[in-house]
N, C-alpha and C. Protein backbone atom coordinates (compact mmCIF):
# COMPACT_ATOMS: atom_id res chain seq x y z
N MET A 1 0.87 -1.39 0.03
CA MET A 1 -0.17 -0.09 0.10
C MET A 1 0.85 1.43 0.10
N ASN A 2 0.63 2.34 -0.83
CA ASN A 2 1.26 3.38 -1.01
C ASN A 2 0.77 4.26 0.08
N ALA A 3 1.35 4.73 1.15
CA ALA A 3 0.49 5.64 2.21
C ALA A 3 0.56 6.92 1.64
N ALA A 4 1.40 7.34 0.95
CA ALA A 4 1.26 8.89 0.38
C ALA A 4 -0.14 8.90 -0.32
N ARG A 5 -0.31 7.98 -1.20
CA ARG A 5 -1.62 7.92 -1.93
C ARG A 5 -2.70 7.24 -1.52
N GLY A 6 -2.43 6.56 -0.60
CA GLY A 6 -3.67 5.49 0.00
C GLY A 6 -4.13 4.45 -1.22
N THR A 7 -3.09 4.11 -1.88
CA THR A 7 -3.44 3.04 -3.18
C THR A 7 -2.88 1.74 -2.71
N PHE A 8 -3.28 0.77 -3.41
CA PHE A 8 -2.67 -0.47 -2.95
C PHE A 8 -1.98 -0.98 -4.27
N SER A 9 -0.84 -1.61 -3.88
CA SER A 9 0.01 -2.27 -5.26
C SER A 9 0.20 -3.64 -4.79
N PRO A 10 -0.61 -4.40 -5.77
CA PRO A 10 -0.45 -5.89 -5.35
C PRO A 10 0.72 -6.50 -5.71
N GLU A 11 1.08 -7.52 -4.96
CA GLU A 11 2.56 -8.18 -5.48
C GLU A 11 2.50 -8.77 -6.97
N ARG A 12 3.70 -8.49 -7.21
CA ARG A 12 3.71 -8.93 -8.36
C ARG A 12 4.23 -10.34 -8.79
N PHE A 13 3.86 -11.08 -9.39
CA PHE A 13 4.38 -12.55 -9.75
C PHE A 13 5.77 -12.67 -10.61
N VAL A 14 6.37 -13.60 -10.27
CA VAL A 14 7.77 -13.84 -10.74
C VAL A 14 7.78 -15.37 -11.39
N CYS A 15 8.99 -15.30 -12.19
CA CYS A 15 9.26 -16.18 -13.07
C CYS A 15 9.36 -17.53 -12.11
N ALA A 16 9.40 -18.66 -12.50
CA ALA A 16 10.05 -20.02 -11.82
C ALA A 16 11.42 -19.64 -11.40
N GLU A 17 12.17 -19.25 -12.40
CA GLU A 17 13.72 -19.17 -12.21
C GLU A 17 14.17 -18.28 -11.07
N GLU A 18 13.35 -17.06 -10.86
CA GLU A 18 13.29 -16.31 -9.66
C GLU A 18 12.91 -16.65 -8.52
N ALA A 19 11.60 -17.47 -8.49
CA ALA A 19 11.27 -18.21 -7.29
C ALA A 19 12.04 -19.22 -6.83
N ALA A 20 12.72 -19.92 -7.37
CA ALA A 20 13.43 -21.19 -7.18
C ALA A 20 14.82 -20.49 -6.80
N SER A 21 15.23 -19.35 -7.29
CA SER A 21 16.60 -18.58 -6.49
C SER A 21 16.02 -18.18 -5.20
N PHE A 22 14.93 -17.60 -5.05
CA PHE A 22 14.31 -17.11 -3.79
C PHE A 22 14.45 -18.13 -2.77
N LEU A 23 13.85 -19.53 -3.08
CA LEU A 23 13.73 -20.52 -2.11
C LEU A 23 15.35 -21.20 -2.04
N GLY A 24 16.11 -20.99 -2.91
CA GLY A 24 17.29 -21.71 -3.04
C GLY A 24 17.12 -23.18 -3.33
N VAL A 25 16.42 -23.35 -4.03
CA VAL A 25 16.02 -24.67 -4.93
C VAL A 25 16.05 -24.90 -6.27
N ASN A 26 16.39 -25.99 -6.83
CA ASN A 26 16.36 -26.15 -8.44
C ASN A 26 14.96 -25.76 -9.16
N ARG A 27 15.09 -25.12 -10.19
CA ARG A 27 13.65 -24.73 -10.86
C ARG A 27 12.99 -26.04 -11.22
N ARG A 28 13.57 -27.29 -11.49
CA ARG A 28 12.61 -28.42 -11.97
C ARG A 28 11.81 -28.73 -10.43
N PHE A 29 12.67 -28.66 -9.41
CA PHE A 29 11.97 -29.27 -7.99
C PHE A 29 10.92 -28.28 -7.74
N LEU A 30 11.07 -26.82 -7.99
CA LEU A 30 10.04 -26.15 -7.70
C LEU A 30 8.74 -26.23 -8.70
N LEU A 31 9.17 -26.39 -9.88
CA LEU A 31 7.85 -26.93 -10.91
C LEU A 31 7.02 -27.96 -10.34
N ALA A 32 7.98 -28.99 -10.01
CA ALA A 32 7.27 -30.18 -9.37
C ALA A 32 6.57 -29.97 -8.24
N LEU A 33 6.74 -28.95 -7.29
CA LEU A 33 5.92 -28.59 -6.23
C LEU A 33 4.70 -27.85 -6.65
N ALA A 34 5.03 -27.15 -7.75
CA ALA A 34 3.76 -26.55 -8.33
C ALA A 34 2.69 -27.36 -8.62
N ARG A 35 2.93 -28.45 -9.66
CA ARG A 35 2.26 -29.31 -10.11
C ARG A 35 1.44 -30.23 -9.06
N LYS A 36 2.26 -30.30 -7.85
CA LYS A 36 1.50 -31.05 -6.71
C LYS A 36 0.74 -30.00 -5.88
N GLY A 37 0.82 -28.73 -5.99
CA GLY A 37 -0.39 -27.88 -5.39
C GLY A 37 0.38 -27.12 -4.49
N ILE A 38 1.39 -26.74 -4.46
CA ILE A 38 2.04 -25.87 -3.46
C ILE A 38 1.41 -24.45 -3.44
N ALA A 39 1.30 -23.82 -2.44
CA ALA A 39 0.40 -22.45 -2.25
C ALA A 39 1.65 -21.27 -3.18
N GLY A 40 1.22 -20.57 -3.66
CA GLY A 40 1.82 -19.55 -4.28
C GLY A 40 2.19 -19.78 -5.66
N ALA A 41 1.79 -20.80 -6.31
CA ALA A 41 1.99 -21.31 -7.60
C ALA A 41 0.79 -21.17 -8.23
N TYR A 42 0.86 -20.53 -9.45
CA TYR A 42 -0.35 -20.07 -10.43
C TYR A 42 0.06 -20.63 -11.84
N PRO A 43 -0.82 -21.52 -12.38
CA PRO A 43 -0.58 -21.90 -13.74
C PRO A 43 -1.25 -20.81 -14.92
N ILE A 44 -0.69 -20.50 -15.80
CA ILE A 44 -1.18 -19.64 -16.81
C ILE A 44 -1.05 -20.49 -18.17
N GLY A 45 -2.30 -20.04 -18.73
CA GLY A 45 -2.48 -20.76 -20.20
C GLY A 45 -3.58 -21.73 -19.94
N THR A 46 -3.77 -22.37 -21.34
CA THR A 46 -4.95 -23.41 -21.26
C THR A 46 -4.44 -24.69 -21.83
N GLY A 47 -3.05 -24.78 -22.01
CA GLY A 47 -2.36 -26.03 -22.33
C GLY A 47 -2.77 -27.33 -21.29
N ASP A 48 -2.81 -28.38 -21.89
CA ASP A 48 -3.50 -29.58 -20.94
C ASP A 48 -1.94 -30.13 -20.59
N PHE A 49 -0.76 -29.92 -21.45
CA PHE A 49 0.29 -30.99 -21.38
C PHE A 49 1.28 -30.00 -20.57
N ARG A 50 1.45 -28.75 -20.98
CA ARG A 50 2.38 -27.88 -20.55
C ARG A 50 1.68 -26.67 -20.00
N LYS A 51 2.37 -26.20 -18.94
CA LYS A 51 1.81 -24.89 -18.40
C LYS A 51 2.87 -23.98 -18.18
N THR A 52 2.58 -22.89 -18.00
CA THR A 52 3.52 -21.77 -17.60
C THR A 52 3.09 -21.28 -16.28
N TRP A 53 4.07 -21.58 -15.46
CA TRP A 53 3.75 -21.24 -13.90
C TRP A 53 4.51 -19.86 -13.46
N VAL A 54 3.78 -19.26 -12.94
CA VAL A 54 4.08 -17.91 -12.08
C VAL A 54 3.80 -18.08 -10.57
N PHE A 55 4.63 -17.24 -9.94
CA PHE A 55 4.72 -17.37 -8.35
C PHE A 55 4.68 -16.13 -7.63
N LYS A 56 4.09 -16.21 -6.36
CA LYS A 56 4.00 -15.03 -5.65
C LYS A 56 4.97 -15.48 -4.46
N LEU A 57 6.01 -14.81 -4.38
CA LEU A 57 6.96 -15.03 -3.13
C LEU A 57 6.57 -15.16 -1.66
N SER A 58 5.73 -14.28 -1.42
CA SER A 58 5.18 -14.19 -0.23
C SER A 58 4.45 -15.44 0.15
N GLU A 59 3.64 -15.89 -0.56
CA GLU A 59 2.80 -17.09 -0.28
C GLU A 59 3.78 -18.24 -0.64
N LEU A 60 4.56 -18.47 -1.38
CA LEU A 60 5.72 -19.44 -1.28
C LEU A 60 6.33 -19.54 0.08
N ALA A 61 7.03 -18.51 0.25
CA ALA A 61 7.64 -18.51 1.81
C ALA A 61 6.56 -18.98 2.98
N ALA A 62 5.34 -18.62 2.84
CA ALA A 62 4.61 -19.06 3.90
C ALA A 62 4.18 -20.64 3.77
N ALA A 63 4.03 -20.85 2.56
CA ALA A 63 3.87 -22.52 2.52
C ALA A 63 4.97 -23.30 3.12
N ILE A 64 6.20 -22.68 2.68
CA ILE A 64 7.51 -23.39 3.08
C ILE A 64 7.59 -23.26 4.68
N ASP A 65 7.30 -22.24 5.42
CA ASP A 65 7.28 -21.99 6.73
C ASP A 65 6.27 -22.68 7.33
N HIS A 66 5.07 -22.96 6.70
CA HIS A 66 4.09 -23.55 7.44
C HIS A 66 4.45 -25.09 7.34
N ARG A 67 4.74 -25.54 6.22
CA ARG A 67 5.30 -27.07 6.20
C ARG A 67 6.43 -27.51 6.98
N HIS A 68 7.34 -26.40 7.35
CA HIS A 68 8.55 -26.57 8.25
C HIS A 68 8.19 -26.73 9.75
N SER A 69 7.30 -26.09 10.05
CA SER A 69 6.69 -25.63 11.33
C SER A 69 5.97 -27.04 11.68
N ARG A 70 5.05 -27.30 10.73
CA ARG A 70 4.44 -28.49 10.90
C ARG A 70 5.13 -29.82 11.24
N PHE A 71 6.20 -30.10 10.44
CA PHE A 71 6.97 -31.09 10.64
C PHE A 71 7.98 -31.16 11.82
N SER A 72 8.20 -29.92 12.02
CA SER A 72 9.19 -29.92 13.40
C SER A 72 8.44 -30.08 14.58
N GLN A 73 7.11 -29.91 14.74
CA GLN A 73 6.09 -30.33 15.73
C GLN A 73 5.86 -31.68 15.87
N ASP A 74 5.77 -32.25 14.66
CA ASP A 74 5.37 -33.90 14.69
C ASP A 74 6.49 -34.58 15.33
N LYS A 75 7.66 -34.51 15.08
CA LYS A 75 8.90 -35.05 15.53
C LYS A 75 9.65 -34.43 16.61
N PRO A 76 10.07 -35.27 17.71
CA PRO A 76 10.69 -34.62 18.67
C PRO A 76 12.32 -34.55 18.05
N ARG A 77 12.93 -33.40 18.42
CA ARG A 77 14.22 -32.85 17.88
C ARG A 77 15.33 -33.73 18.46
N TYR A 78 16.45 -34.39 17.90
CA TYR A 78 17.48 -35.07 18.52
C TYR A 78 18.30 -34.43 19.30
N ASP A 79 18.51 -34.65 20.26
CA ASP A 79 19.20 -34.22 21.45
C ASP A 79 20.50 -35.08 21.70
N PRO A 80 21.68 -34.62 21.49
CA PRO A 80 22.82 -35.29 21.74
C PRO A 80 23.25 -35.72 22.97
N ASP A 81 22.70 -35.10 23.96
CA ASP A 81 22.91 -35.65 25.16
C ASP A 81 21.96 -36.55 25.68
N GLN A 82 21.10 -36.97 25.11
CA GLN A 82 20.26 -37.95 25.21
C GLN A 82 20.63 -39.46 24.64
N GLY A 83 21.61 -39.24 23.67
CA GLY A 83 22.11 -40.58 23.16
C GLY A 83 21.27 -40.94 21.91
N SER A 84 21.66 -41.92 21.35
CA SER A 84 20.87 -42.49 20.14
C SER A 84 19.44 -42.39 19.98
N PRO A 85 18.80 -41.94 19.19
CA PRO A 85 17.28 -42.08 19.17
C PRO A 85 16.83 -43.39 18.93
N ARG A 86 17.63 -44.36 18.70
CA ARG A 86 16.97 -45.71 18.45
C ARG A 86 16.77 -46.44 19.62
C-alpha cells in the first residue's frame, strides 16, 4: 500500500527461475512442487500438457514456513545428550 496516495499495489508475480532462486532450490524441483499444488504457484495458459507457472514469493515463503513448522512439531528433535534415538 502506498501510504502517500492511499493506493494498494498488489504483489507482482515472478517466473520459476526467480522463485527457485528465492527459495534456494532447483527450478525443476519448484515446478514439481507447483504441479503438486504448493501454495503460491499459479498456472497460466490453457495447455493440457504444458503450463507456464508464475509465483508469489510471499505465498511460497508462507507455504514453506507452514510445512517446516508442521513437521518440526510432529517429530521430537534429536538431543545429543540423550544418546541415540534408536
